[in-house]
Every structure is written in C-alpha cells, then in structure tokens.
Amino acid sequence: MDTGALLALDQPSKALLMQGRLDELRRRGGSICIPVGAIAQAWRSPRQVRLARLLGASDVDLAIMTVAVARTVGLLCAQSSHSDVIDVHVVLCARGRHHAVATSDPDDIARIDPSLPLIRV
C-alpha cells in the first residue's frame, strides 16, 4: 500500500471502498504490507481511526527500511530515474512479496516497475 491508499482509509468518499478491498483480500488469504515511510507520509492526526486500526492488525507486515534496503532503494531510484524513495520502497516490497500495489498514483508506481499489478484507489 502506498501513501494514497493509506489516506483513502480515512477519506469519507473512499473509506468504504478501501475497507471492502482489504476485507476481500483477507477473505482470500492475502497479506498486507505497508512500508513505514508511507505511514509517515500518511499520518496526520490521531483521528485517523481506520488507519490506526489497520496498523495495529496482526496480519499487517510493516516493512522497515534497513541500511541494506535503503541501498537497494537507492539503486532502484537511479535505475528508474524516480526520486521518491517511499514510492520506490513500496515497489520493492511488492516485488519481494509478489503483491499488487494499492495506489492513488498508478502512473508513478508504473514508472518504477510497469510489470507490477496495480489497484487504483
């Protein structure tokens, strides 16, 4: 999930659809990965109840950026000519887990890796 997907959880016009997608993913036995940098970009208020609930769920994998991961992200930024390290980390997480990316900006994600399946939010 990228920052836009996380923000969609607490946007009245998108929250029900986003929650429905998460519920369906869980029913199918899928997993959820959220890079911690995307959390930093999305977290703006302690009133983000749906986001807080998702972050506390036991089936959510929070992906940290270790030094090794940071180096890989930097290399992928250079290869893709993309400067947003959070978007690149989202792509790296999706690649490693064979996930689709839930994103509000599919063009940015596709610029990094056009082969990833995308879920527009």
Protein backbone atom coordinates (compact mmCIF):
# COMPACT_ATOMS: atom_id res chain seq x y z
CA MET A 1 0.00 0.00 0.00
CA ASP A 2 1.29 3.43 -0.86
CA THR A 3 0.56 6.68 0.95
CA GLY A 4 -2.54 7.44 -1.11
CA ALA A 5 -4.03 4.03 -0.31
CA LEU A 6 -3.44 4.65 3.39
CA LEU A 7 -5.01 8.11 3.19
CA ALA A 8 -8.03 6.64 1.38
CA LEU A 9 -8.92 4.67 4.51
CA ASP A 10 -9.94 7.86 6.30
CA GLN A 11 -11.37 9.83 3.37
CA PRO A 12 -15.16 9.68 3.56
CA SER A 13 -15.57 9.28 -0.21
CA LYS A 14 -13.09 6.36 -0.40
CA ALA A 15 -13.11 4.69 3.01
CA LEU A 16 -15.84 2.11 2.39
CA LEU A 17 -14.39 1.00 -0.94
CA MET A 18 -10.88 0.76 0.51
CA GLN A 19 -12.07 -1.18 3.55
CA GLY A 20 -14.02 -3.50 1.27
CA ARG A 21 -10.88 -4.20 -0.74
CA LEU A 22 -8.95 -5.01 2.43
CA ASP A 23 -11.74 -7.27 3.69
CA GLU A 24 -11.83 -9.14 0.35
CA LEU A 25 -8.06 -9.54 0.37
CA ARG A 26 -8.22 -11.05 3.83
CA ARG A 27 -11.08 -13.38 2.87
CA ARG A 28 -8.89 -14.68 0.04
CA GLY A 29 -5.99 -15.28 2.43
CA GLY A 30 -3.85 -12.45 1.07
CA SER A 31 -1.34 -10.45 3.03
CA ILE A 32 -0.84 -6.72 3.50
CA CYS A 33 2.50 -4.94 3.55
CA ILE A 34 2.95 -1.29 4.45
CA PRO A 35 6.33 0.45 4.23
CA VAL A 36 6.82 2.58 7.34
CA GLY A 37 7.77 5.60 5.22
CA ALA A 38 4.28 5.56 3.70
CA ILE A 39 2.88 5.64 7.23
CA ALA A 40 4.96 8.75 7.98
CA GLN A 41 3.62 10.44 4.85
CA ALA A 42 0.00 9.50 5.62
CA TRP A 43 -0.19 10.02 9.40
CA ARG A 44 -1.57 13.47 10.05
CA SER A 45 -3.92 13.11 13.01
CA PRO A 46 -4.68 10.80 15.91
CA ARG A 47 -8.23 10.78 14.50
CA GLN A 48 -7.22 8.51 11.61
CA VAL A 49 -9.09 5.65 13.22
CA ARG A 50 -9.23 3.29 10.25
CA LEU A 51 -5.54 3.73 9.52
CA ALA A 52 -4.64 3.21 13.18
CA ARG A 53 -6.76 0.05 13.24
CA LEU A 54 -5.04 -1.29 10.12
CA LEU A 55 -1.58 -0.58 11.52
CA GLY A 56 -2.43 -2.49 14.68
CA ALA A 57 -3.77 -5.55 12.86
CA SER A 58 -1.84 -8.75 13.39
CA ASP A 59 -1.94 -9.66 9.69
CA VAL A 60 -0.20 -6.48 8.52
CA ASP A 61 3.51 -6.61 7.73
CA LEU A 62 5.24 -3.28 8.41
CA ALA A 63 8.29 -3.01 6.16
CA ILE A 64 11.16 -1.08 7.69
CA MET A 65 13.99 0.42 5.71
CA THR A 66 17.23 -1.09 6.95
CA VAL A 67 20.58 0.07 5.58
CA ALA A 68 20.58 -2.84 3.11
CA VAL A 69 17.06 -1.98 1.96
CA ALA A 70 17.99 1.71 1.70
CA ARG A 71 20.87 0.84 -0.60
CA THR A 72 18.60 -1.26 -2.79
CA VAL A 73 16.01 1.53 -2.86
CA GLY A 74 18.72 4.00 -3.87
CA LEU A 75 19.86 1.77 -6.70
CA LEU A 76 16.29 1.33 -7.91
CA CYS A 77 15.77 5.12 -7.74
CA ALA A 78 18.78 5.55 -10.01
CA GLN A 79 17.68 2.79 -12.41
CA SER A 80 14.14 4.14 -12.70
CA SER A 81 15.02 7.87 -12.57
CA HIS A 82 12.46 8.16 -9.80
CA SER A 83 13.30 10.34 -6.80
CA ASP A 84 10.53 9.40 -4.36
CA VAL A 85 12.18 6.85 -2.07
CA ILE A 86 8.86 5.91 -0.47
CA ASP A 87 7.29 5.01 -3.82
CA VAL A 88 10.38 3.00 -4.68
CA HIS A 89 10.25 1.21 -1.32
CA VAL A 90 6.58 0.39 -1.97
CA VAL A 91 7.60 -1.17 -5.31
CA LEU A 92 10.46 -3.09 -3.72
CA CYS A 93 8.12 -4.51 -1.06
CA ALA A 94 5.55 -5.50 -3.67
CA ARG A 95 8.15 -7.19 -5.84
CA GLY A 96 9.58 -9.18 -2.95
CA ARG A 97 6.17 -10.40 -1.81
CA HIS A 98 4.59 -10.83 -5.27
CA HIS A 99 1.91 -8.30 -4.29
CA ALA A 100 -0.18 -5.86 -6.22
CA VAL A 101 0.20 -2.23 -5.16
CA ALA A 102 -2.81 -0.32 -3.87
CA THR A 103 -2.08 3.22 -5.05
CA SER A 104 -3.69 6.56 -5.71
CA ASP A 105 -0.99 7.34 -8.27
CA PRO A 106 -0.61 4.35 -10.60
CA ASP A 107 1.48 6.33 -13.09
CA ASP A 108 4.24 6.93 -10.52
CA ILE A 109 4.34 3.28 -9.49
CA ALA A 110 4.24 2.08 -13.11
CA ARG A 111 7.19 4.35 -13.95
CA ILE A 112 9.25 2.41 -11.43
CA ASP A 113 8.01 -1.05 -12.41
CA PRO A 114 5.44 -1.34 -15.21
CA SER A 115 5.06 -5.08 -14.61
CA LEU A 116 3.51 -4.75 -11.14
CA PRO A 117 -0.25 -5.24 -10.86
CA LEU A 118 -1.88 -2.06 -9.58
CA ILE A 119 -5.08 -1.45 -7.65
CA ARG A 120 -6.21 2.14 -8.13
CA VAL A 121 -7.75 3.81 -5.08
